[in-house]
Amino acid sequence: MQSIKHDPPKIAYSIREAVAATGCSRTWLYTMISNNKLRSTRVAGRRIIPAEALHALIVGEP
């Protein structure tokens, strides 16, 4: 019998993952971060974008 793998939902995206998930450019994402329109944080030297912040930006929520 084949097991079914269920990946947990993503809670955060790296910049590379956010680019792939949204189709937006790295430059645009960094611009949104620098203009305080997209929340992000640094974890272990990497820029991480919380999933809810990315979703809110895409759907146009404040």
PDB file of N, CA and C in Angstrom:
ATOM      1  N   MET A   1       0.838  -1.166   0.000  1.00  0.00           N
ATOM      2  CA  MET A   1       0.000   0.000   0.000  1.00  0.00           C
ATOM      3  C   MET A   1       0.889   1.237   0.000  1.00  0.00           C
ATOM      4  N   GLN A   2       0.507   2.217  -0.765  1.00  0.00           N
ATOM      5  CA  GLN A   2       1.285   3.438  -0.894  1.00  0.00           C
ATOM      6  C   GLN A   2       0.834   4.451   0.157  1.00  0.00           C
ATOM      7  N   SER A   3       1.811   5.048   0.851  1.00  0.00           N
ATOM      8  CA  SER A   3       1.452   6.045   1.861  1.00  0.00           C
ATOM      9  C   SER A   3       1.265   7.404   1.198  1.00  0.00           C
ATOM     10  N   ILE A   4       0.404   8.196   1.773  1.00  0.00           N
ATOM     11  CA  ILE A   4       0.133   9.533   1.267  1.00  0.00           C
ATOM     12  C   ILE A   4       0.866  10.518   2.146  1.00  0.00           C
ATOM     13  N   LYS A   5       1.661  11.368   1.526  1.00  0.00           N
ATOM     14  CA  LYS A   5       2.429  12.359   2.261  1.00  0.00           C
ATOM     15  C   LYS A   5       1.658  13.669   2.275  1.00  0.00           C
ATOM     16  N   HIS A   6       1.462  14.220   3.469  1.00  0.00           N
ATOM     17  CA  HIS A   6       0.782  15.498   3.628  1.00  0.00           C
ATOM     18  C   HIS A   6       1.787  16.496   4.156  1.00  0.00           C
ATOM     19  N   ASP A   7       2.160  17.440   3.314  1.00  0.00           N
ATOM     20  CA  ASP A   7       3.080  18.484   3.740  1.00  0.00           C
ATOM     21  C   ASP A   7       2.310  19.500   4.574  1.00  0.00           C
ATOM     22  N   PRO A   8       2.911  19.959   5.664  1.00  0.00           N
ATOM     23  CA  PRO A   8       2.235  21.001   6.440  1.00  0.00           C
ATOM     24  C   PRO A   8       2.170  22.301   5.645  1.00  0.00           C
ATOM     25  N   PRO A   9       1.173  23.134   5.911  1.00  0.00           N
ATOM     26  CA  PRO A   9       1.097  24.404   5.181  1.00  0.00           C
ATOM     27  C   PRO A   9       2.291  25.286   5.520  1.00  0.00           C
ATOM     28  N   LYS A  10       2.746  26.063   4.555  1.00  0.00           N
ATOM     29  CA  LYS A  10       3.884  26.948   4.774  1.00  0.00           C
ATOM     30  C   LYS A  10       3.475  28.086   5.688  1.00  0.00           C
ATOM     31  N   ILE A  11       4.333  28.416   6.643  1.00  0.00           N
ATOM     32  CA  ILE A  11       4.063  29.552   7.517  1.00  0.00           C
ATOM     33  C   ILE A  11       4.911  30.753   7.132  1.00  0.00           C
ATOM     34  N   ALA A  12       5.932  30.513   6.294  1.00  0.00           N
ATOM     35  CA  ALA A  12       6.798  31.607   5.841  1.00  0.00           C
ATOM     36  C   ALA A  12       7.483  31.193   4.545  1.00  0.00           C
ATOM     37  N   TYR A  13       7.901  32.218   3.793  1.00  0.00           N
ATOM     38  CA  TYR A  13       8.561  32.009   2.504  1.00  0.00           C
ATOM     39  C   TYR A  13       9.905  32.725   2.494  1.00  0.00           C
ATOM     40  N   SER A  14      10.878  32.103   1.867  1.00  0.00           N
ATOM     41  CA  SER A  14      12.114  32.823   1.561  1.00  0.00           C
ATOM     42  C   SER A  14      11.808  33.739   0.385  1.00  0.00           C
ATOM     43  N   ILE A  15      12.699  34.642   0.078  1.00  0.00           N
ATOM     44  CA  ILE A  15      12.494  35.518  -1.084  1.00  0.00           C
ATOM     45  C   ILE A  15      12.343  34.678  -2.346  1.00  0.00           C
ATOM     46  N   ARG A  16      13.193  33.704  -2.513  1.00  0.00           N
ATOM     47  CA  ARG A  16      13.133  32.838  -3.709  1.00  0.00           C
ATOM     48  C   ARG A  16      11.785  32.129  -3.796  1.00  0.00           C
ATOM     49  N   GLU A  17      11.301  31.602  -2.675  1.00  0.00           N
ATOM     50  CA  GLU A  17      10.010  30.920  -2.672  1.00  0.00           C
ATOM     51  C   GLU A  17       8.871  31.894  -2.940  1.00  0.00           C
ATOM     52  N   ALA A  18       8.962  33.103  -2.404  1.00  0.00           N
ATOM     53  CA  ALA A  18       7.926  34.117  -2.628  1.00  0.00           C
ATOM     54  C   ALA A  18       7.865  34.513  -4.098  1.00  0.00           C
ATOM     55  N   VAL A  19       9.017  34.634  -4.738  1.00  0.00           N
ATOM     56  CA  VAL A  19       9.067  34.937  -6.175  1.00  0.00           C
ATOM     57  C   VAL A  19       8.375  33.819  -6.955  1.00  0.00           C
ATOM     58  N   ALA A  20       8.700  32.568  -6.628  1.00  0.00           N
ATOM     59  CA  ALA A  20       8.103  31.434  -7.335  1.00  0.00           C
ATOM     60  C   ALA A  20       6.604  31.333  -7.078  1.00  0.00           C
ATOM     61  N   ALA A  21       6.182  31.595  -5.851  1.00  0.00           N
ATOM     62  CA  ALA A  21       4.772  31.454  -5.489  1.00  0.00           C
ATOM     63  C   ALA A  21       3.898  32.546  -6.090  1.00  0.00           C
ATOM     64  N   THR A  22       4.442  33.757  -6.230  1.00  0.00           N
ATOM     65  CA  THR A  22       3.632  34.891  -6.682  1.00  0.00           C
ATOM     66  C   THR A  22       3.849  35.285  -8.134  1.00  0.00           C
ATOM     67  N   GLY A  23       5.014  34.971  -8.673  1.00  0.00           N
ATOM     68  CA  GLY A  23       5.346  35.432 -10.014  1.00  0.00           C
ATOM     69  C   GLY A  23       5.860  36.860 -10.024  1.00  0.00           C
ATOM     70  N   CYS A  24       6.015  37.446  -8.840  1.00  0.00           N
ATOM     71  CA  CYS A  24       6.542  38.814  -8.722  1.00  0.00           C
ATOM     72  C   CYS A  24       8.063  38.763  -8.719  1.00  0.00           C
ATOM     73  N   SER A  25       8.692  39.872  -9.054  1.00  0.00           N
ATOM     74  CA  SER A  25      10.152  39.896  -9.108  1.00  0.00           C
ATOM     75  C   SER A  25      10.755  40.102  -7.722  1.00  0.00           C
ATOM     76  N   ARG A  26      12.013  39.705  -7.586  1.00  0.00           N
ATOM     77  CA  ARG A  26      12.750  39.938  -6.336  1.00  0.00           C
ATOM     78  C   ARG A  26      12.800  41.425  -6.033  1.00  0.00           C
ATOM     79  N   THR A  27      13.054  42.227  -7.055  1.00  0.00           N
ATOM     80  CA  THR A  27      13.166  43.673  -6.875  1.00  0.00           C
ATOM     81  C   THR A  27      11.871  44.240  -6.326  1.00  0.00           C
ATOM     82  N   TRP A  28      10.727  43.824  -6.883  1.00  0.00           N
ATOM     83  CA  TRP A  28       9.447  44.316  -6.422  1.00  0.00           C
ATOM     84  C   TRP A  28       9.198  43.918  -4.967  1.00  0.00           C
ATOM     85  N   LEU A  29       9.523  42.663  -4.620  1.00  0.00           N
ATOM     86  CA  LEU A  29       9.339  42.221  -3.238  1.00  0.00           C
ATOM     87  C   LEU A  29      10.202  43.038  -2.281  1.00  0.00           C
ATOM     88  N   TYR A  30      11.470  43.257  -2.637  1.00  0.00           N
ATOM     89  CA  TYR A  30      12.339  44.061  -1.778  1.00  0.00           C
ATOM     90  C   TYR A  30      11.841  45.508  -1.693  1.00  0.00           C
ATOM     91  N   THR A  31      11.278  46.033  -2.777  1.00  0.00           N
ATOM     92  CA  THR A  31      10.705  47.383  -2.748  1.00  0.00           C
ATOM     93  C   THR A  31       9.529  47.430  -1.787  1.00  0.00           C
ATOM     94  N   MET A  32       8.661  46.442  -1.833  1.00  0.00           N
ATOM     95  CA  MET A  32       7.518  46.388  -0.914  1.00  0.00           C
ATOM     96  C   MET A  32       7.985  46.282   0.532  1.00  0.00           C
ATOM     97  N   ILE A  33       9.045  45.515   0.763  1.00  0.00           N
ATOM     98  CA  ILE A  33       9.602  45.395   2.117  1.00  0.00           C
ATOM     99  C   ILE A  33      10.163  46.733   2.579  1.00  0.00           C
ATOM    100  N   SER A  34      10.935  47.405   1.727  1.00  0.00           N
ATOM    101  CA  SER A  34      11.557  48.674   2.117  1.00  0.00           C
ATOM    102  C   SER A  34      10.531  49.792   2.289  1.00  0.00           C
ATOM    103  N   ASN A  35       9.386  49.699   1.600  1.00  0.00           N
ATOM    104  CA  ASN A  35       8.310  50.685   1.734  1.00  0.00           C
ATOM    105  C   ASN A  35       7.318  50.315   2.838  1.00  0.00           C
ATOM    106  N   ASN A  36       7.667  49.299   3.630  1.00  0.00           N
ATOM    107  CA  ASN A  36       6.817  48.822   4.738  1.00  0.00           C
ATOM    108  C   ASN A  36       5.432  48.369   4.278  1.00  0.00           C
ATOM    109  N   LYS A  37       5.347  47.854   3.071  1.00  0.00           N
ATOM    110  CA  LYS A  37       4.090  47.314   2.560  1.00  0.00           C
ATOM    111  C   LYS A  37       4.074  45.791   2.637  1.00  0.00           C
ATOM    112  N   LEU A  38       5.221  45.206   2.959  1.00  0.00           N
ATOM    113  CA  LEU A  38       5.340  43.759   3.113  1.00  0.00           C
ATOM    114  C   LEU A  38       6.212  43.487   4.326  1.00  0.00           C
ATOM    115  N   ARG A  39       5.626  42.809   5.307  1.00  0.00           N
ATOM    116  CA  ARG A  39       6.348  42.493   6.539  1.00  0.00           C
ATOM    117  C   ARG A  39       7.303  41.328   6.288  1.00  0.00           C
ATOM    118  N   SER A  40       8.498  41.438   6.836  1.00  0.00           N
ATOM    119  CA  SER A  40       9.475  40.360   6.746  1.00  0.00           C
ATOM    120  C   SER A  40      10.371  40.414   7.973  1.00  0.00           C
ATOM    121  N   THR A  41      11.152  39.371   8.139  1.00  0.00           N
ATOM    122  CA  THR A  41      12.096  39.309   9.246  1.00  0.00           C
ATOM    123  C   THR A  41      13.322  38.538   8.787  1.00  0.00           C
ATOM    124  N   ARG A  42      14.381  38.654   9.542  1.00  0.00           N
ATOM    125  CA  ARG A  42      15.589  37.893   9.247  1.00  0.00           C
ATOM    126  C   ARG A  42      15.710  36.769  10.261  1.00  0.00           C
ATOM    127  N   VAL A  43      15.902  35.567   9.756  1.00  0.00           N
ATOM    128  CA  VAL A  43      16.076  34.386  10.601  1.00  0.00           C
ATOM    129  C   VAL A  43      17.325  33.678  10.125  1.00  0.00           C
ATOM    130  N   ALA A  44      18.293  33.572  11.010  1.00  0.00           N
ATOM    131  CA  ALA A  44      19.556  32.899  10.689  1.00  0.00           C
ATOM    132  C   ALA A  44      20.189  33.477   9.423  1.00  0.00           C
ATOM    133  N   GLY A  45      20.096  34.805   9.277  1.00  0.00           N
ATOM    134  CA  GLY A  45      20.719  35.471   8.139  1.00  0.00           C
ATOM    135  C   GLY A  45      19.908  35.466   6.861  1.00  0.00           C
ATOM    136  N   ARG A  46      18.723  34.862   6.884  1.00  0.00           N
ATOM    137  CA  ARG A  46      17.865  34.808   5.691  1.00  0.00           C
ATOM    138  C   ARG A  46      16.655  35.699   5.879  1.00  0.00           C
ATOM    139  N   ARG A  47      16.215  36.340   4.805  1.00  0.00           N
ATOM    140  CA  ARG A  47      14.999  37.156   4.821  1.00  0.00           C
ATOM    141  C   ARG A  47      13.814  36.214   4.671  1.00  0.00           C
ATOM    142  N   ILE A  48      12.877  36.272   5.618  1.00  0.00           N
ATOM    143  CA  ILE A  48      11.710  35.404   5.627  1.00  0.00           C
ATOM    144  C   ILE A  48      10.451  36.278   5.614  1.00  0.00           C
ATOM    145  N   ILE A  49       9.492  35.903   4.773  1.00  0.00           N
ATOM    146  CA  ILE A  49       8.222  36.618   4.671  1.00  0.00           C
ATOM    147  C   ILE A  49       7.132  35.714   5.229  1.00  0.00           C
ATOM    148  N   PRO A  50       6.431  36.141   6.286  1.00  0.00           N
ATOM    149  CA  PRO A  50       5.325  35.331   6.802  1.00  0.00           C
ATOM    150  C   PRO A  50       4.265  35.121   5.725  1.00  0.00           C
ATOM    151  N   ALA A  51       3.704  33.925   5.676  1.00  0.00           N
ATOM    152  CA  ALA A  51       2.720  33.592   4.641  1.00  0.00           C
ATOM    153  C   ALA A  51       1.536  34.548   4.665  1.00  0.00           C
ATOM    154  N   GLU A  52       1.050  34.900   5.864  1.00  0.00           N
ATOM    155  CA  GLU A  52      -0.124  35.784   5.917  1.00  0.00           C
ATOM    156  C   GLU A  52       0.202  37.180   5.400  1.00  0.00           C
ATOM    157  N   ALA A  53       1.437  37.644   5.583  1.00  0.00           N
ATOM    158  CA  ALA A  53       1.840  38.953   5.056  1.00  0.00           C
ATOM    159  C   ALA A  53       1.890  38.922   3.532  1.00  0.00           C
ATOM    160  N   LEU A  54       2.398  37.845   2.966  1.00  0.00           N
ATOM    161  CA  LEU A  54       2.462  37.714   1.506  1.00  0.00           C
ATOM    162  C   LEU A  54       1.056  37.610   0.922  1.00  0.00           C
ATOM    163  N   HIS A  55       0.189  36.828   1.547  1.00  0.00           N
ATOM    164  CA  HIS A  55      -1.182  36.694   1.069  1.00  0.00           C
ATOM    165  C   HIS A  55      -1.905  38.029   1.125  1.00  0.00           C
ATOM    166  N   ALA A  56      -1.729  38.771   2.232  1.00  0.00           N
ATOM    167  CA  ALA A  56      -2.393  40.071   2.371  1.00  0.00           C
ATOM    168  C   ALA A  56      -1.924  41.046   1.287  1.00  0.00           C
ATOM    169  N   LEU A  57      -0.638  41.039   0.980  1.00  0.00           N
ATOM    170  CA  LEU A  57      -0.119  41.930  -0.069  1.00  0.00           C
ATOM    171  C   LEU A  57      -0.739  41.585  -1.416  1.00  0.00           C
ATOM    172  N   ILE A  58      -0.824  40.318  -1.727  1.00  0.00           N
ATOM    173  CA  ILE A  58      -1.322  39.887  -3.038  1.00  0.00           C
ATOM    174  C   ILE A  58      -2.801  40.216  -3.195  1.00  0.00           C
ATOM    175  N   VAL A  59      -3.601  40.038  -2.150  1.00  0.00           N
ATOM    176  CA  VAL A  59      -5.036  40.311  -2.271  1.00  0.00           C
ATOM    177  C   VAL A  59      -5.377  41.771  -2.022  1.00  0.00           C
ATOM    178  N   GLY A  60      -4.380  42.580  -1.658  1.00  0.00           N
ATOM    179  CA  GLY A  60      -4.574  44.010  -1.523  1.00  0.00           C
ATOM    180  C   GLY A  60      -5.086  44.473  -0.182  1.00  0.00           C
ATOM    181  N   GLU A  61      -4.924  43.661   0.852  1.00  0.00           N
ATOM    182  CA  GLU A  61      -5.348  44.066   2.184  1.00  0.00           C
ATOM    183  C   GLU A  61      -4.295  44.996   2.787  1.00  0.00           C
ATOM    184  N   PRO A  62      -4.729  45.954   3.607  1.00  0.00           N
ATOM    185  CA  PRO A  62      -3.766  46.887   4.241  1.00  0.00           C
ATOM    186  C   PRO A  62      -2.884  46.206   5.272  1.00  0.00           C
TER     187      PRO A  62
END
